[in-house]
């Protein structure tokens, strides 16, 4: 069974006292998901795989006399 996540208001209604423990906190889950998304975005940007990044560089491919394809700027 998956753990139920609580806001502080839900916790107060259900338990009636104290602060929501971290492992049951909905806000903590949302923060962790947002942090993970930012990390993924940064990793992909560093790898050059992000579609938002455009270097403005145009690459063409040419074959040499042996039929080997080479990239040129």
N, C-alpha and C. Protein backbone atom coordinates (compact mmCIF):
# COMPACT_ATOMS: atom_id res chain seq x y z
N UNK A 1 0.84 -1.18 0.00
CA UNK A 1 0.00 0.00 0.00
C UNK A 1 0.89 1.26 0.00
N UNK A 2 0.53 2.22 -0.78
CA UNK A 2 1.28 3.45 -0.88
C UNK A 2 0.96 4.34 0.32
N UNK A 3 1.99 5.04 0.82
CA UNK A 3 1.79 5.94 1.94
C UNK A 3 0.89 7.09 1.54
N UNK A 4 -0.02 7.47 2.40
CA UNK A 4 -0.85 8.63 2.15
C UNK A 4 -0.03 9.87 2.51
N UNK A 5 -0.13 10.87 1.65
CA UNK A 5 0.57 12.11 1.90
C UNK A 5 -0.41 13.13 2.45
N UNK A 6 0.07 13.95 3.38
CA UNK A 6 -0.79 14.89 4.08
C UNK A 6 -0.28 16.33 3.95
N UNK A 7 -1.21 17.25 3.83
CA UNK A 7 -0.86 18.65 4.06
C UNK A 7 -0.96 18.85 5.56
N UNK A 8 -0.47 19.98 6.07
CA UNK A 8 -0.56 20.22 7.51
C UNK A 8 -2.02 20.24 7.96
N UNK A 9 -2.87 20.81 7.14
CA UNK A 9 -4.30 20.89 7.49
C UNK A 9 -4.92 19.49 7.57
N UNK A 10 -4.60 18.63 6.59
CA UNK A 10 -5.10 17.25 6.62
C UNK A 10 -4.58 16.49 7.84
N UNK A 11 -3.30 16.71 8.15
CA UNK A 11 -2.69 16.05 9.30
C UNK A 11 -3.40 16.48 10.59
N UNK A 12 -3.68 17.77 10.71
CA UNK A 12 -4.36 18.27 11.90
C UNK A 12 -5.75 17.64 12.04
N UNK A 13 -6.44 17.48 10.92
CA UNK A 13 -7.78 16.85 10.97
C UNK A 13 -7.70 15.37 11.32
N UNK A 14 -6.70 14.68 10.77
CA UNK A 14 -6.59 13.24 10.95
C UNK A 14 -5.97 12.86 12.29
N UNK A 15 -4.83 13.45 12.61
CA UNK A 15 -4.09 13.08 13.81
C UNK A 15 -4.45 14.00 14.97
N UNK A 16 -4.59 15.28 14.66
CA UNK A 16 -5.03 16.22 15.68
C UNK A 16 -3.93 16.95 16.42
N UNK A 17 -2.66 16.59 16.19
CA UNK A 17 -1.59 17.30 16.89
C UNK A 17 -0.28 17.13 16.14
N UNK A 18 0.63 18.05 16.40
CA UNK A 18 1.98 17.96 15.87
C UNK A 18 2.12 18.36 14.42
N UNK A 19 3.36 18.27 13.98
CA UNK A 19 3.72 18.62 12.61
C UNK A 19 3.74 17.34 11.77
N UNK A 20 3.44 17.47 10.47
CA UNK A 20 3.45 16.32 9.58
C UNK A 20 4.88 15.78 9.49
N UNK A 21 5.08 14.49 9.77
CA UNK A 21 6.42 13.91 9.60
C UNK A 21 6.85 14.00 8.13
N UNK A 22 8.13 14.17 7.91
CA UNK A 22 8.65 14.39 6.56
C UNK A 22 8.20 13.30 5.58
N UNK A 23 8.22 12.06 5.99
CA UNK A 23 7.88 10.98 5.07
C UNK A 23 6.40 10.96 4.67
N UNK A 24 5.55 11.68 5.39
CA UNK A 24 4.13 11.77 5.04
C UNK A 24 3.75 13.14 4.46
N UNK A 25 4.71 14.02 4.30
CA UNK A 25 4.44 15.40 3.91
C UNK A 25 4.25 15.54 2.40
N UNK A 26 3.11 16.03 1.99
CA UNK A 26 2.83 16.30 0.58
C UNK A 26 3.71 17.42 0.07
N UNK A 27 3.91 18.46 0.87
CA UNK A 27 4.76 19.58 0.46
C UNK A 27 6.20 19.11 0.20
N UNK A 28 6.70 18.21 1.06
CA UNK A 28 8.06 17.69 0.87
C UNK A 28 8.15 16.90 -0.43
N UNK A 29 7.13 16.13 -0.73
CA UNK A 29 7.12 15.35 -1.99
C UNK A 29 7.14 16.28 -3.19
N UNK A 30 6.34 17.34 -3.15
CA UNK A 30 6.30 18.30 -4.25
C UNK A 30 7.65 18.98 -4.41
N UNK A 31 8.27 19.39 -3.28
CA UNK A 31 9.59 20.02 -3.35
C UNK A 31 10.63 19.08 -3.93
N UNK A 32 10.60 17.81 -3.52
CA UNK A 32 11.56 16.83 -4.04
C UNK A 32 11.36 16.60 -5.53
N UNK A 33 10.10 16.53 -5.98
CA UNK A 33 9.82 16.34 -7.41
C UNK A 33 10.31 17.54 -8.23
N UNK A 34 10.09 18.75 -7.71
CA UNK A 34 10.54 19.95 -8.42
C UNK A 34 12.07 19.99 -8.48
N UNK A 35 12.72 19.61 -7.39
CA UNK A 35 14.19 19.59 -7.35
C UNK A 35 14.73 18.57 -8.34
N UNK A 36 14.12 17.40 -8.38
CA UNK A 36 14.55 16.36 -9.33
C UNK A 36 14.38 16.83 -10.77
N UNK A 37 13.31 17.54 -11.07
CA UNK A 37 13.07 18.06 -12.41
C UNK A 37 14.14 19.09 -12.78
N UNK A 38 14.49 19.98 -11.85
CA UNK A 38 15.54 20.97 -12.12
C UNK A 38 16.88 20.28 -12.37
N UNK A 39 17.16 19.23 -11.61
CA UNK A 39 18.41 18.49 -11.80
C UNK A 39 18.43 17.85 -13.18
N UNK A 40 17.32 17.21 -13.57
CA UNK A 40 17.24 16.60 -14.90
C UNK A 40 17.44 17.63 -16.00
N UNK A 41 16.81 18.80 -15.86
CA UNK A 41 16.95 19.86 -16.86
C UNK A 41 18.41 20.31 -16.97
N UNK A 42 19.08 20.46 -15.83
CA UNK A 42 20.48 20.89 -15.84
C UNK A 42 21.39 19.83 -16.45
N UNK A 43 21.14 18.57 -16.16
CA UNK A 43 21.97 17.50 -16.71
C UNK A 43 21.81 17.46 -18.22
N UNK A 44 20.58 17.53 -18.72
CA UNK A 44 20.36 17.48 -20.17
C UNK A 44 20.93 18.72 -20.84
N UNK A 45 20.86 19.86 -20.20
CA UNK A 45 21.42 21.09 -20.77
C UNK A 45 22.94 20.96 -20.87
N UNK A 46 23.57 20.38 -19.86
CA UNK A 46 25.02 20.18 -19.89
C UNK A 46 25.43 19.20 -20.98
N UNK A 47 24.57 18.24 -21.28
CA UNK A 47 24.87 17.25 -22.31
C UNK A 47 24.50 17.76 -23.70
N UNK A 48 23.88 18.91 -23.79
CA UNK A 48 23.51 19.47 -25.08
C UNK A 48 22.29 18.83 -25.68
N UNK A 49 21.47 18.15 -24.88
CA UNK A 49 20.30 17.46 -25.39
C UNK A 49 19.01 18.24 -25.20
N UNK A 50 19.10 19.41 -24.63
CA UNK A 50 17.90 20.20 -24.39
C UNK A 50 17.47 20.90 -25.67
N UNK A 51 16.23 20.79 -26.07
CA UNK A 51 15.79 21.45 -27.29
C UNK A 51 15.74 22.97 -27.18
N UNK A 52 15.78 23.53 -25.97
CA UNK A 52 15.74 24.97 -25.80
C UNK A 52 17.08 25.62 -26.14
N UNK A 53 18.14 24.86 -26.11
CA UNK A 53 19.46 25.42 -26.34
C UNK A 53 19.76 25.38 -27.84
N UNK A 54 20.11 26.53 -28.41
CA UNK A 54 20.46 26.63 -29.82
C UNK A 54 21.77 27.38 -29.92
N UNK A 55 22.81 26.71 -30.35
CA UNK A 55 24.12 27.35 -30.44
C UNK A 55 24.22 28.26 -31.65
N UNK A 56 23.30 28.15 -32.61
CA UNK A 56 23.35 28.95 -33.81
C UNK A 56 24.34 28.41 -34.83
N UNK A 57 24.93 27.28 -34.54
CA UNK A 57 25.92 26.68 -35.42
C UNK A 57 25.23 25.83 -36.47
N UNK A 58 25.66 25.96 -37.72
CA UNK A 58 25.11 25.15 -38.80
C UNK A 58 26.15 24.10 -39.18
N UNK A 59 25.71 22.86 -39.21
CA UNK A 59 26.63 21.78 -39.53
C UNK A 59 26.19 21.15 -40.85
N UNK A 60 27.15 20.91 -41.73
CA UNK A 60 26.86 20.21 -42.98
C UNK A 60 27.72 18.97 -43.03
N UNK A 61 27.29 17.99 -43.76
CA UNK A 61 28.04 16.74 -43.87
C UNK A 61 28.54 16.60 -45.30
N UNK A 62 29.79 16.21 -45.42
CA UNK A 62 30.39 15.99 -46.73
C UNK A 62 31.12 14.66 -46.71
N UNK A 63 31.13 14.00 -47.85
CA UNK A 63 31.87 12.75 -47.97
C UNK A 63 33.19 13.00 -48.65
N UNK A 64 34.23 12.36 -48.15
CA UNK A 64 35.52 12.50 -48.82
C UNK A 64 35.60 11.49 -49.98
N UNK A 65 36.72 11.39 -50.61
CA UNK A 65 36.87 10.52 -51.78
C UNK A 65 36.67 9.05 -51.46
N UNK A 66 36.83 8.66 -50.19
CA UNK A 66 36.65 7.27 -49.79
C UNK A 66 35.22 6.99 -49.34
N UNK A 67 34.35 8.00 -49.39
CA UNK A 67 32.96 7.82 -49.00
C UNK A 67 32.71 7.97 -47.51
N UNK A 68 33.70 8.46 -46.78
CA UNK A 68 33.56 8.65 -45.34
C UNK A 68 32.92 10.02 -45.11
N UNK A 69 31.87 10.04 -44.34
CA UNK A 69 31.15 11.29 -44.06
C UNK A 69 31.86 12.06 -42.96
N UNK A 70 32.06 13.37 -43.19
CA UNK A 70 32.72 14.23 -42.22
C UNK A 70 31.86 15.46 -41.97
N UNK A 71 31.88 15.93 -40.74
CA UNK A 71 31.12 17.14 -40.40
C UNK A 71 32.01 18.36 -40.64
N UNK A 72 31.42 19.40 -41.20
CA UNK A 72 32.14 20.67 -41.39
C UNK A 72 31.30 21.79 -40.83
N UNK A 73 31.96 22.85 -40.43
CA UNK A 73 31.24 24.03 -39.91
C UNK A 73 30.98 25.01 -41.02
